[in-house]
PDB file of N, CA and C in Angstrom:
ATOM      1  N   MET A   1      20.196  10.619 -54.620  1.00  0.00           N
ATOM      2  CA  MET A   1      18.815  10.951 -54.333  1.00  0.00           C
ATOM      3  C   MET A   1      18.386   9.757 -53.615  1.00  0.00           C
ATOM      4  N   LYS A   2      18.439   9.014 -54.124  1.00  0.00           N
ATOM      5  CA  LYS A   2      17.886   7.580 -53.317  1.00  0.00           C
ATOM      6  C   LYS A   2      18.414   6.976 -51.977  1.00  0.00           C
ATOM      7  N   GLU A   3      19.965   7.724 -51.934  1.00  0.00           N
ATOM      8  CA  GLU A   3      20.064   7.450 -50.641  1.00  0.00           C
ATOM      9  C   GLU A   3      19.627   8.216 -49.441  1.00  0.00           C
ATOM     10  N   VAL A   4      19.451   9.287 -49.637  1.00  0.00           N
ATOM     11  CA  VAL A   4      19.162   9.999 -48.990  1.00  0.00           C
ATOM     12  C   VAL A   4      17.313   9.725 -48.263  1.00  0.00           C
ATOM     13  N   ILE A   5      16.803   9.143 -49.434  1.00  0.00           N
ATOM     14  CA  ILE A   5      15.640   8.712 -49.067  1.00  0.00           C
ATOM     15  C   ILE A   5      15.452   7.431 -48.121  1.00  0.00           C
ATOM     16  N   ILE A   6      16.579   6.406 -48.851  1.00  0.00           N
ATOM     17  CA  ILE A   6      16.769   5.148 -47.698  1.00  0.00           C
ATOM     18  C   ILE A   6      17.105   5.301 -46.396  1.00  0.00           C
ATOM     19  N   LEU A   7      18.105   6.718 -46.125  1.00  0.00           N
ATOM     20  CA  LEU A   7      18.219   6.762 -44.835  1.00  0.00           C
ATOM     21  C   LEU A   7      17.249   7.487 -44.107  1.00  0.00           C
ATOM     22  N   ARG A   8      16.430   8.016 -44.925  1.00  0.00           N
ATOM     23  CA  ARG A   8      15.242   8.798 -44.006  1.00  0.00           C
ATOM     24  C   ARG A   8      14.707   7.497 -43.682  1.00  0.00           C
ATOM     25  N   ARG A   9      14.182   6.703 -44.556  1.00  0.00           N
ATOM     26  CA  ARG A   9      13.109   5.645 -44.015  1.00  0.00           C
ATOM     27  C   ARG A   9      13.516   5.009 -42.817  1.00  0.00           C
ATOM     28  N   ALA A  10      15.351   4.745 -42.942  1.00  0.00           N
ATOM     29  CA  ALA A  10      15.808   3.817 -42.058  1.00  0.00           C
ATOM     30  C   ALA A  10      15.679   4.679 -40.974  1.00  0.00           C
ATOM     31  N   LEU A  11      16.019   5.674 -41.031  1.00  0.00           N
ATOM     32  CA  LEU A  11      15.949   6.540 -39.147  1.00  0.00           C
ATOM     33  C   LEU A  11      14.353   6.359 -39.096  1.00  0.00           C
ATOM     34  N   THR A  12      13.233   6.662 -39.590  1.00  0.00           N
ATOM     35  CA  THR A  12      11.664   7.033 -39.194  1.00  0.00           C
ATOM     36  C   THR A  12      11.953   5.520 -38.639  1.00  0.00           C
ATOM     37  N   ILE A  13      12.085   4.231 -39.338  1.00  0.00           N
ATOM     38  CA  ILE A  13      12.151   2.689 -38.584  1.00  0.00           C
ATOM     39  C   ILE A  13      12.608   2.763 -37.376  1.00  0.00           C
ATOM     40  N   MET A  14      13.816   3.259 -37.316  1.00  0.00           N
ATOM     41  CA  MET A  14      14.681   3.018 -35.812  1.00  0.00           C
ATOM     42  C   MET A  14      14.167   3.895 -34.695  1.00  0.00           C
ATOM     43  N   VAL A  15      13.171   4.990 -35.246  1.00  0.00           N
ATOM     44  CA  VAL A  15      12.453   6.200 -34.255  1.00  0.00           C
ATOM     45  C   VAL A  15      11.093   5.314 -33.689  1.00  0.00           C
ATOM     46  N   ALA A  16      10.725   4.846 -34.549  1.00  0.00           N
ATOM     47  CA  ALA A  16       9.465   4.007 -34.702  1.00  0.00           C
ATOM     48  C   ALA A  16      10.011   2.633 -33.929  1.00  0.00           C
ATOM     49  N   VAL A  17      10.465   2.096 -33.950  1.00  0.00           N
ATOM     50  CA  VAL A  17      11.118   1.009 -32.842  1.00  0.00           C
ATOM     51  C   VAL A  17      11.452   1.086 -31.722  1.00  0.00           C
ATOM     52  N   ILE A  18      12.385   2.349 -31.605  1.00  0.00           N
ATOM     53  CA  ILE A  18      12.528   3.032 -29.926  1.00  0.00           C
ATOM     54  C   ILE A  18      11.454   3.469 -29.460  1.00  0.00           C
ATOM     55  N   ILE A  19      10.226   4.049 -29.979  1.00  0.00           N
ATOM     56  CA  ILE A  19       8.827   4.407 -29.280  1.00  0.00           C
ATOM     57  C   ILE A  19       8.443   3.122 -28.985  1.00  0.00           C
ATOM     58  N   VAL A  20       7.952   2.155 -29.797  1.00  0.00           N
ATOM     59  CA  VAL A  20       7.493   1.185 -29.693  1.00  0.00           C
ATOM     60  C   VAL A  20       8.306   0.179 -28.403  1.00  0.00           C
ATOM     61  N   PHE A  21       9.324   0.337 -27.470  1.00  0.00           N
ATOM     62  CA  PHE A  21       9.775  -0.280 -27.171  1.00  0.00           C
ATOM     63  C   PHE A  21       9.688   0.419 -25.769  1.00  0.00           C
ATOM     64  N   SER A  22      10.145   1.770 -26.052  1.00  0.00           N
ATOM     65  CA  SER A  22       9.622   2.488 -24.477  1.00  0.00           C
ATOM     66  C   SER A  22       8.664   2.412 -24.098  1.00  0.00           C
ATOM     67  N   LEU A  23       7.320   2.328 -24.473  1.00  0.00           N
ATOM     68  CA  LEU A  23       5.770   2.450 -24.837  1.00  0.00           C
ATOM     69  C   LEU A  23       5.604   0.884 -24.148  1.00  0.00           C
ATOM     70  N   ALA A  24       6.474  -0.417 -24.259  1.00  0.00           N
ATOM     71  CA  ALA A  24       5.846  -1.581 -24.244  1.00  0.00           C
ATOM     72  C   ALA A  24       6.788  -1.335 -22.713  1.00  0.00           C
ATOM     73  N   GLY A  25       7.790  -1.047 -22.340  1.00  0.00           N
ATOM     74  CA  GLY A  25       8.715  -1.137 -21.443  1.00  0.00           C
ATOM     75  C   GLY A  25       7.315  -0.686 -20.452  1.00  0.00           C
ATOM     76  N   SER A  26       6.881   0.705 -20.742  1.00  0.00           N
ATOM     77  CA  SER A  26       6.231   1.454 -19.783  1.00  0.00           C
ATOM     78  C   SER A  26       4.851   0.760 -19.233  1.00  0.00           C
ATOM     79  N   VAL A  27       4.373   0.034 -20.432  1.00  0.00           N
ATOM     80  CA  VAL A  27       3.147  -0.622 -19.967  1.00  0.00           C
ATOM     81  C   VAL A  27       3.276  -1.946 -19.346  1.00  0.00           C
ATOM     82  N   LEU A  28       4.394  -2.634 -19.488  1.00  0.00           N
ATOM     83  CA  LEU A  28       4.652  -3.844 -18.601  1.00  0.00           C
ATOM     84  C   LEU A  28       5.276  -3.818 -17.430  1.00  0.00           C
ATOM     85  N   ALA A  29       5.824  -2.673 -17.437  1.00  0.00           N
ATOM     86  CA  ALA A  29       6.073  -2.128 -15.564  1.00  0.00           C
ATOM     87  C   ALA A  29       4.729  -1.874 -15.085  1.00  0.00           C
ATOM     88  N   ALA A  30       3.782  -1.037 -15.563  1.00  0.00           N
ATOM     89  CA  ALA A  30       2.507  -0.614 -14.817  1.00  0.00           C
ATOM     90  C   ALA A  30       1.814  -1.791 -14.123  1.00  0.00           C
ATOM     91  N   ASP A  31       2.194  -2.921 -14.740  1.00  0.00           N
ATOM     92  CA  ASP A  31       1.150  -4.038 -14.343  1.00  0.00           C
ATOM     93  C   ASP A  31       1.947  -4.760 -13.049  1.00  0.00           C
ATOM     94  N   LYS A  32       3.263  -4.708 -12.627  1.00  0.00           N
ATOM     95  CA  LYS A  32       4.186  -4.876 -12.006  1.00  0.00           C
ATOM     96  C   LYS A  32       4.017  -4.570 -10.480  1.00  0.00           C
ATOM     97  N   PRO A  33       3.537  -4.956  -9.733  1.00  0.00           N
ATOM     98  CA  PRO A  33       3.100  -4.452  -8.214  1.00  0.00           C
ATOM     99  C   PRO A  33       4.413  -3.214  -7.582  1.00  0.00           C
ATOM    100  N   LYS A  34       4.155  -2.413  -7.125  1.00  0.00           N
ATOM    101  CA  LYS A  34       5.074  -1.717  -6.737  1.00  0.00           C
ATOM    102  C   LYS A  34       5.689  -2.520  -5.227  1.00  0.00           C
ATOM    103  N   SER A  35       7.037  -2.348  -5.474  1.00  0.00           N
ATOM    104  CA  SER A  35       7.606  -2.935  -3.974  1.00  0.00           C
ATOM    105  C   SER A  35       7.642  -1.745  -2.982  1.00  0.00           C
ATOM    106  N   THR A  36       7.173  -2.429  -1.496  1.00  0.00           N
ATOM    107  CA  THR A  36       7.164  -1.347  -0.455  1.00  0.00           C
ATOM    108  C   THR A  36       7.998  -1.487   0.156  1.00  0.00           C
ATOM    109  N   GLY A  37       8.969  -2.021  -0.393  1.00  0.00           N
ATOM    110  CA  GLY A  37       9.853  -3.182   1.277  1.00  0.00           C
ATOM    111  C   GLY A  37       9.197  -4.183   2.081  1.00  0.00           C
ATOM    112  N   GLY A  38       8.244  -4.492   2.111  1.00  0.00           N
ATOM    113  CA  GLY A  38       7.851  -5.637   2.250  1.00  0.00           C
ATOM    114  C   GLY A  38       6.245  -5.211   3.302  1.00  0.00           C
ATOM    115  N   MET A  39       6.348  -3.890   3.307  1.00  0.00           N
ATOM    116  CA  MET A  39       5.046  -3.107   3.991  1.00  0.00           C
ATOM    117  C   MET A  39       3.630  -3.630   3.344  1.00  0.00           C
ATOM    118  N   ASN A  40       2.785  -4.166   4.173  1.00  0.00           N
ATOM    119  CA  ASN A  40       1.051  -4.097   3.348  1.00  0.00           C
ATOM    120  C   ASN A  40       0.523  -2.540   4.237  1.00  0.00           C
ATOM    121  N   PHE A  41      -0.828  -2.632   3.675  1.00  0.00           N
ATOM    122  CA  PHE A  41      -1.394  -1.573   4.072  1.00  0.00           C
ATOM    123  C   PHE A  41      -2.576  -1.653   4.064  1.00  0.00           C
ATOM    124  N   VAL A  42      -3.605  -1.357   4.944  1.00  0.00           N
ATOM    125  CA  VAL A  42      -4.946  -1.869   5.174  1.00  0.00           C
ATOM    126  C   VAL A  42      -5.666  -0.639   5.853  1.00  0.00           C
ATOM    127  N   ALA A  43      -7.114   0.042   5.210  1.00  0.00           N
ATOM    128  CA  ALA A  43      -7.811   0.745   6.079  1.00  0.00           C
ATOM    129  C   ALA A  43      -8.842   0.392   5.919  1.00  0.00           C
ATOM    130  N   GLY A  44      -9.636   0.633   7.231  1.00  0.00           N
ATOM    131  CA  GLY A  44     -11.195   0.595   7.179  1.00  0.00           C
ATOM    132  C   GLY A  44     -11.432   0.579   8.496  1.00  0.00           C
ATOM    133  N   THR A  45     -12.535  -0.405   9.035  1.00  0.00           N
ATOM    134  CA  THR A  45     -13.190  -0.134  10.791  1.00  0.00           C
ATOM    135  C   THR A  45     -12.796  -0.869  11.252  1.00  0.00           C
ATOM    136  N   VAL A  46     -12.398  -0.846  12.342  1.00  0.00           N
ATOM    137  CA  VAL A  46     -12.139  -1.663  13.515  1.00  0.00           C
ATOM    138  C   VAL A  46     -13.341  -2.616  13.938  1.00  0.00           C
ATOM    139  N   LYS A  47     -13.120  -4.369  13.819  1.00  0.00           N
ATOM    140  CA  LYS A  47     -14.463  -5.208  13.999  1.00  0.00           C
ATOM    141  C   LYS A  47     -14.245  -5.166  15.753  1.00  0.00           C
ATOM    142  N   THR A  48     -12.997  -5.591  16.057  1.00  0.00           N
ATOM    143  CA  THR A  48     -13.061  -6.289  17.154  1.00  0.00           C
ATOM    144  C   THR A  48     -11.299  -5.976  17.603  1.00  0.00           C
ATOM    145  N   ILE A  49     -11.183  -5.927  18.855  1.00  0.00           N
ATOM    146  CA  ILE A  49     -10.039  -5.412  19.747  1.00  0.00           C
ATOM    147  C   ILE A  49      -9.817  -5.944  20.654  1.00  0.00           C
ATOM    148  N   ASP A  50      -8.637  -6.632  20.958  1.00  0.00           N
ATOM    149  CA  ASP A  50      -8.272  -7.334  22.173  1.00  0.00           C
ATOM    150  C   ASP A  50      -7.146  -6.806  22.262  1.00  0.00           C
ATOM    151  N   ALA A  51      -7.229  -6.159  23.819  1.00  0.00           N
ATOM    152  CA  ALA A  51      -5.678  -5.243  24.694  1.00  0.00           C
ATOM    153  C   ALA A  51      -4.944  -6.795  24.994  1.00  0.00           C
ATOM    154  N   ALA A  52      -5.689  -7.847  25.874  1.00  0.00           N
ATOM    155  CA  ALA A  52      -4.682  -8.782  26.187  1.00  0.00           C
ATOM    156  C   ALA A  52      -3.972  -9.276  25.325  1.00  0.00           C
ATOM    157  N   ALA A  53      -4.440  -9.585  24.156  1.00  0.00           N
ATOM    158  CA  ALA A  53      -3.880 -10.479  23.109  1.00  0.00           C
ATOM    159  C   ALA A  53      -3.048  -9.131  21.781  1.00  0.00           C
ATOM    160  N   LYS A  54      -2.975  -8.048  22.318  1.00  0.00           N
ATOM    161  CA  LYS A  54      -2.476  -7.108  21.254  1.00  0.00           C
ATOM    162  C   LYS A  54      -3.098  -7.327  19.688  1.00  0.00           C
ATOM    163  N   THR A  55      -4.302  -7.241  19.731  1.00  0.00           N
ATOM    164  CA  THR A  55      -4.952  -8.052  18.314  1.00  0.00           C
ATOM    165  C   THR A  55      -6.046  -7.256  17.928  1.00  0.00           C
ATOM    166  N   ILE A  56      -5.407  -6.236  16.886  1.00  0.00           N
ATOM    167  CA  ILE A  56      -6.660  -5.879  16.148  1.00  0.00           C
ATOM    168  C   ILE A  56      -7.604  -6.113  15.203  1.00  0.00           C
ATOM    169  N   VAL A  57      -8.655  -6.409  14.690  1.00  0.00           N
ATOM    170  CA  VAL A  57      -9.669  -7.116  13.250  1.00  0.00           C
ATOM    171  C   VAL A  57     -10.019  -6.118  12.550  1.00  0.00           C
ATOM    172  N   ILE A  58      -9.367  -5.470  11.554  1.00  0.00           N
ATOM    173  CA  ILE A  58      -9.754  -4.649  10.557  1.00  0.00           C
ATOM    174  C   ILE A  58     -10.865  -4.991   9.522  1.00  0.00           C
ATOM    175  N   THR A  59     -12.042  -4.517   9.391  1.00  0.00           N
ATOM    176  CA  THR A  59     -12.641  -5.013   8.122  1.00  0.00           C
ATOM    177  C   THR A  59     -12.918  -4.042   6.832  1.00  0.00           C
ATOM    178  N   ALA A  60     -12.467  -4.441   5.947  1.00  0.00           N
ATOM    179  CA  ALA A  60     -11.512  -3.714   4.770  1.00  0.00           C
ATOM    180  C   ALA A  60     -12.481  -4.363   3.421  1.00  0.00           C
ATOM    181  N   GLN A  61     -13.410  -3.427   2.883  1.00  0.00           N
ATOM    182  CA  GLN A  61     -14.157  -3.910   1.916  1.00  0.00           C
ATOM    183  C   GLN A  61     -15.039  -5.288   2.146  1.00  0.00           C
ATOM    184  N   SER A  62     -14.377  -6.095   1.736  1.00  0.00           N
ATOM    185  CA  SER A  62     -15.571  -7.480   2.098  1.00  0.00           C
ATOM    186  C   SER A  62     -14.463  -8.643   2.959  1.00  0.00           C
ATOM    187  N   SER A  63     -13.062  -8.252   3.442  1.00  0.00           N
ATOM    188  CA  SER A  63     -12.227  -9.053   3.959  1.00  0.00           C
ATOM    189  C   SER A  63     -11.953  -8.586   5.570  1.00  0.00           C
ATOM    190  N   GLU A  64     -11.545  -9.518   6.145  1.00  0.00           N
ATOM    191  CA  GLU A  64     -11.279  -9.052   7.634  1.00  0.00           C
ATOM    192  C   GLU A  64      -9.331  -9.255   7.854  1.00  0.00           C
ATOM    193  N   VAL A  65      -8.784  -8.239   8.627  1.00  0.00           N
ATOM    194  CA  VAL A  65      -7.196  -8.848   8.328  1.00  0.00           C
ATOM    195  C   VAL A  65      -6.856  -8.233   9.896  1.00  0.00           C
ATOM    196  N   ALA A  66      -6.493  -9.469  10.428  1.00  0.00           N
ATOM    197  CA  ALA A  66      -6.440  -9.312  11.692  1.00  0.00           C
ATOM    198  C   ALA A  66      -4.260  -8.653  12.250  1.00  0.00           C
ATOM    199  N   ILE A  67      -4.364  -7.407  13.257  1.00  0.00           N
ATOM    200  CA  ILE A  67      -3.147  -7.233  13.001  1.00  0.00           C
ATOM    201  C   ILE A  67      -2.422  -7.306  14.414  1.00  0.00           C
ATOM    202  N   VAL A  68      -1.330  -7.418  15.039  1.00  0.00           N
ATOM    203  CA  VAL A  68      -1.072  -7.198  16.315  1.00  0.00           C
ATOM    204  C   VAL A  68      -0.504  -6.503  16.240  1.00  0.00           C
ATOM    205  N   TRP A  69      -0.100  -5.782  17.586  1.00  0.00           N
ATOM    206  CA  TRP A  69       0.547  -4.755  17.988  1.00  0.00           C
ATOM    207  C   TRP A  69       1.719  -4.563  18.601  1.00  0.00           C
ATOM    208  N   ASN A  70       2.727  -4.138  19.178  1.00  0.00           N
ATOM    209  CA  ASN A  70       4.022  -4.251  19.657  1.00  0.00           C
ATOM    210  C   ASN A  70       4.216  -3.011  20.105  1.00  0.00           C
ATOM    211  N   ASP A  71       4.952  -2.666  21.173  1.00  0.00           N
ATOM    212  CA  ASP A  71       5.095  -1.483  21.626  1.00  0.00           C
ATOM    213  C   ASP A  71       6.077  -0.585  20.450  1.00  0.00           C
ATOM    214  N   ASN A  72       6.857  -1.158  19.461  1.00  0.00           N
ATOM    215  CA  ASN A  72       7.474  -0.502  18.564  1.00  0.00           C
ATOM    216  C   ASN A  72       6.526  -0.128  17.383  1.00  0.00           C
ATOM    217  N   THR A  73       5.151  -0.315  17.724  1.00  0.00           N
ATOM    218  CA  THR A  73       4.271   0.174  16.777  1.00  0.00           C
ATOM    219  C   THR A  73       3.601   1.714  16.877  1.00  0.00           C
ATOM    220  N   ARG A  74       3.780   2.727  16.317  1.00  0.00           N
ATOM    221  CA  ARG A  74       2.952   4.196  16.063  1.00  0.00           C
ATOM    222  C   ARG A  74       1.926   4.415  16.275  1.00  0.00           C
ATOM    223  N   VAL A  75       1.205   5.021  17.087  1.00  0.00           N
ATOM    224  CA  VAL A  75      -0.282   5.640  16.718  1.00  0.00           C
ATOM    225  C   VAL A  75      -0.446   6.575  16.845  1.00  0.00           C
ATOM    226  N   THR A  76      -0.707   7.299  15.437  1.00  0.00           N
ATOM    227  CA  THR A  76      -1.101   8.807  15.305  1.00  0.00           C
ATOM    228  C   THR A  76      -2.888   8.681  15.222  1.00  0.00           C
ATOM    229  N   SER A  77      -2.972  10.283  15.160  1.00  0.00           N
ATOM    230  CA  SER A  77      -4.219  10.741  14.722  1.00  0.00           C
ATOM    231  C   SER A  77      -4.454  12.231  13.788  1.00  0.00           C
ATOM    232  N   GLU A  78      -5.563  12.042  13.003  1.00  0.00           N
ATOM    233  CA  GLU A  78      -5.644  13.035  12.059  1.00  0.00           C
ATOM    234  C   GLU A  78      -5.521  14.327  12.690  1.00  0.00           C
ATOM    235  N   SER A  79      -6.031  14.103  14.480  1.00  0.00           N
ATOM    236  CA  SER A  79      -7.101  15.173  14.982  1.00  0.00           C
ATOM    237  C   SER A  79      -6.121  15.383  16.236  1.00  0.00           C
ATOM    238  N   ALA A  80      -6.015  14.288  16.915  1.00  0.00           N
ATOM    239  CA  ALA A  80      -5.688  14.588  18.341  1.00  0.00           C
ATOM    240  C   ALA A  80      -5.010  13.409  19.066  1.00  0.00           C
ATOM    241  N   LYS A  81      -4.360  13.721  19.847  1.00  0.00           N
ATOM    242  CA  LYS A  81      -3.373  12.757  20.782  1.00  0.00           C
ATOM    243  C   LYS A  81      -4.065  11.234  20.935  1.00  0.00           C
ATOM    244  N   LYS A  82      -3.723  10.295  20.565  1.00  0.00           N
ATOM    245  CA  LYS A  82      -4.422   8.735  20.481  1.00  0.00           C
ATOM    246  C   LYS A  82      -3.323   7.926  20.655  1.00  0.00           C
ATOM    247  N   THR A  83      -4.025   6.997  21.558  1.00  0.00           N
ATOM    248  CA  THR A  83      -2.986   5.616  21.980  1.00  0.00           C
ATOM    249  C   THR A  83      -3.842   4.145  21.194  1.00  0.00           C
ATOM    250  N   ILE A  84      -3.504   3.162  21.807  1.00  0.00           N
ATOM    251  CA  ILE A  84      -4.023   2.062  21.406  1.00  0.00           C
ATOM    252  C   ILE A  84      -5.040   2.130  22.440  1.00  0.00           C
ATOM    253  N   ALA A  85      -5.430   2.069  23.284  1.00  0.00           N
ATOM    254  CA  ALA A  85      -5.978   2.003  24.408  1.00  0.00           C
ATOM    255  C   ALA A  85      -7.370   3.168  23.881  1.00  0.00           C
ATOM    256  N   ASP A  86      -7.421   4.024  23.138  1.00  0.00           N
ATOM    257  CA  ASP A  86      -8.180   4.958  22.385  1.00  0.00           C
ATOM    258  C   ASP A  86      -9.254   4.039  21.452  1.00  0.00           C
ATOM    259  N   ILE A  87      -8.625   2.676  20.818  1.00  0.00           N
ATOM    260  CA  ILE A  87      -9.074   2.720  19.886  1.00  0.00           C
ATOM    261  C   ILE A  87     -10.333   1.401  20.388  1.00  0.00           C
ATOM    262  N   LYS A  88     -11.622   1.764  19.644  1.00  0.00           N
ATOM    263  CA  LYS A  88     -12.932   1.324  20.039  1.00  0.00           C
ATOM    264  C   LYS A  88     -13.338   0.314  18.365  1.00  0.00           C
ATOM    265  N   ALA A  89     -13.946  -0.686  18.913  1.00  0.00           N
ATOM    266  CA  ALA A  89     -14.858  -0.814  17.752  1.00  0.00           C
ATOM    267  C   ALA A  89     -15.751  -0.137  16.905  1.00  0.00           C
ATOM    268  N   GLY A  90     -15.675   0.042  15.762  1.00  0.00           N
ATOM    269  CA  GLY A  90     -16.264   1.146  14.806  1.00  0.00           C
ATOM    270  C   GLY A  90     -15.486   2.241  14.801  1.00  0.00           C
ATOM    271  N   ASP A  91     -14.124   2.302  15.122  1.00  0.00           N
ATOM    272  CA  ASP A  91     -13.213   3.416  14.299  1.00  0.00           C
ATOM    273  C   ASP A  91     -12.553   2.812  13.179  1.00  0.00           C
ATOM    274  N   ILE A  92     -12.399   4.286  12.270  1.00  0.00           N
ATOM    275  CA  ILE A  92     -12.026   3.973  11.178  1.00  0.00           C
ATOM    276  C   ILE A  92     -10.541   4.372  11.344  1.00  0.00           C
ATOM    277  N   VAL A  93      -9.602   3.079  11.111  1.00  0.00           N
ATOM    278  CA  VAL A  93      -8.059   3.417  11.201  1.00  0.00           C
ATOM    279  C   VAL A  93      -7.337   2.705  10.070  1.00  0.00           C
ATOM    280  N   ALA A  94      -5.839   3.019   9.497  1.00  0.00           N
ATOM    281  CA  ALA A  94      -5.169   3.418   8.481  1.00  0.00           C
ATOM    282  C   ALA A  94      -3.905   2.487   8.782  1.00  0.00           C
ATOM    283  N   THR A  95      -3.909   1.331   8.874  1.00  0.00           N
ATOM    284  CA  THR A  95      -2.391   0.477   9.941  1.00  0.00           C
ATOM    285  C   THR A  95      -1.279   0.106   8.345  1.00  0.00           C
ATOM    286  N   VAL A  96      -0.280   0.265   8.692  1.00  0.00           N
ATOM    287  CA  VAL A  96       0.934   0.005   7.899  1.00  0.00           C
ATOM    288  C   VAL A  96       1.582  -1.193   8.438  1.00  0.00           C
ATOM    289  N   TYR A  97       1.831  -2.528   8.076  1.00  0.00           N
ATOM    290  CA  TYR A  97       1.871  -3.641   8.566  1.00  0.00           C
ATOM    291  C   TYR A  97       2.538  -4.629   7.864  1.00  0.00           C
ATOM    292  N   LYS A  98       3.776  -5.827   8.418  1.00  0.00           N
ATOM    293  CA  LYS A  98       4.608  -6.037   7.990  1.00  0.00           C
ATOM    294  C   LYS A  98       4.269  -7.979   8.520  1.00  0.00           C
ATOM    295  N   GLU A  99       4.167  -8.570   7.248  1.00  0.00           N
ATOM    296  CA  GLU A  99       3.994 -10.297   7.997  1.00  0.00           C
ATOM    297  C   GLU A  99       5.481 -10.446   8.628  1.00  0.00           C
ATOM    298  N   VAL A 100       5.494 -11.410   9.758  1.00  0.00           N
ATOM    299  CA  VAL A 100       6.385 -11.613  10.532  1.00  0.00           C
ATOM    300  C   VAL A 100       6.025 -12.604  11.208  1.00  0.00           C
ATOM    301  N   GLU A 101       6.513 -13.751  11.035  1.00  0.00           N
ATOM    302  CA  GLU A 101       6.221 -14.767  11.585  1.00  0.00           C
ATOM    303  C   GLU A 101       4.582 -15.119  11.428  1.00  0.00           C
ATOM    304  N   GLY A 102       4.487 -15.049  10.267  1.00  0.00           N
ATOM    305  CA  GLY A 102       3.072 -15.535  10.029  1.00  0.00           C
ATOM    306  C   GLY A 102       1.639 -14.626  10.809  1.00  0.00           C
ATOM    307  N   LYS A 103       2.574 -13.928  11.427  1.00  0.00           N
ATOM    308  CA  LYS A 103       1.657 -12.494  11.803  1.00  0.00           C
ATOM    309  C   LYS A 103       1.535 -11.255  11.264  1.00  0.00           C
ATOM    310  N   ASN A 104       0.648 -10.346  11.151  1.00  0.00           N
ATOM    311  CA  ASN A 104       0.602  -9.106  10.738  1.00  0.00           C
ATOM    312  C   ASN A 104       0.729  -7.899  11.406  1.00  0.00           C
ATOM    313  N   VAL A 105       1.917  -7.346  11.470  1.00  0.00           N
ATOM    314  CA  VAL A 105       2.814  -7.018  12.673  1.00  0.00           C
ATOM    315  C   VAL A 105       2.754  -5.197  12.808  1.00  0.00           C
ATOM    316  N   ALA A 106       2.057  -4.745  13.155  1.00  0.00           N
ATOM    317  CA  ALA A 106       1.562  -3.194  12.789  1.00  0.00           C
ATOM    318  C   ALA A 106       2.810  -2.565  13.140  1.00  0.00           C
ATOM    319  N   GLY A 107       3.238  -1.499  11.591  1.00  0.00           N
ATOM    320  CA  GLY A 107       4.111  -0.565  12.009  1.00  0.00           C
ATOM    321  C   GLY A 107       3.738   0.840  13.024  1.00  0.00           C
ATOM    322  N   SER A 108       2.736   0.887  12.033  1.00  0.00           N
ATOM    323  CA  SER A 108       1.655   2.626  12.707  1.00  0.00           C
ATOM    324  C   SER A 108       0.107   2.277  12.269  1.00  0.00           C
ATOM    325  N   ILE A 109      -0.450   2.850  13.438  1.00  0.00           N
ATOM    326  CA  ILE A 109      -1.816   2.757  13.259  1.00  0.00           C
ATOM    327  C   ILE A 109      -2.412   4.290  13.424  1.00  0.00           C
ATOM    328  N   THR A 110      -3.044   4.955  12.389  1.00  0.00           N
ATOM    329  CA  THR A 110      -3.462   5.823  12.285  1.00  0.00           C
ATOM    330  C   THR A 110      -4.673   5.921  12.582  1.00  0.00           C
ATOM    331  N   PHE A 111      -5.629   6.969  13.066  1.00  0.00           N
ATOM    332  CA  PHE A 111      -6.784   6.837  13.801  1.00  0.00           C
ATOM    333  C   PHE A 111      -7.727   7.936  12.341  1.00  0.00           C
ATOM    334  N   LYS A 112      -8.576   7.719  11.798  1.00  0.00           N
ATOM    335  CA  LYS A 112      -8.861   8.104  10.561  1.00  0.00           C
ATOM    336  C   LYS A 112     -10.438   8.702  11.150  1.00  0.00           C
ATOM    337  N   ASN A 113     -11.201   8.598  12.013  1.00  0.00           N
ATOM    338  CA  ASN A 113     -12.435   9.079  12.813  1.00  0.00           C
ATOM    339  C   ASN A 113     -12.614   8.377  14.065  1.00  0.00           C
ATOM    340  N   VAL A 114     -13.163   8.772  14.926  1.00  0.00           N
ATOM    341  CA  VAL A 114     -12.595   8.160  16.455  1.00  0.00           C
ATOM    342  C   VAL A 114     -13.966   8.130  16.631  1.00  0.00           C
ATOM    343  N   SER A 115     -14.816   7.023  17.364  1.00  0.00           N
ATOM    344  CA  SER A 115     -15.823   6.745  17.907  1.00  0.00           C
ATOM    345  C   SER A 115     -16.408   7.781  19.208  1.00  0.00           C
ATOM    346  N   LYS A 116     -17.149   7.913  19.459  1.00  0.00           N
ATOM    347  CA  LYS A 116     -17.045   9.045  20.709  1.00  0.00           C
ATOM    348  C   LYS A 116     -18.240   8.153  21.987  1.00  0.00           C
TER     349      LYS A 116
END
């Protein structure tokens, strides 16, 4: 009879240890940033755009992010077909970009709201 009680206690302790370690792993994993393959995301309001320099400055919350576009940058819109030439100060855009040689190079720019 004592052997059964000892086995039950041992089994209960093992299950408790497994649960604690699995929960601890989940908590630790939640604190780590998720890898996006080196890509970053910013959404905000266009502050300035310089077509000659192919640069757009986006104000997001309390910071500004300068983004450079190139011929490989995709431009999309939620409502109509748009191009880089359609971007104006005050537009709301979302951009996926990657830092390349110290510059934030846009992979895509999506219009969220186009000024009239």
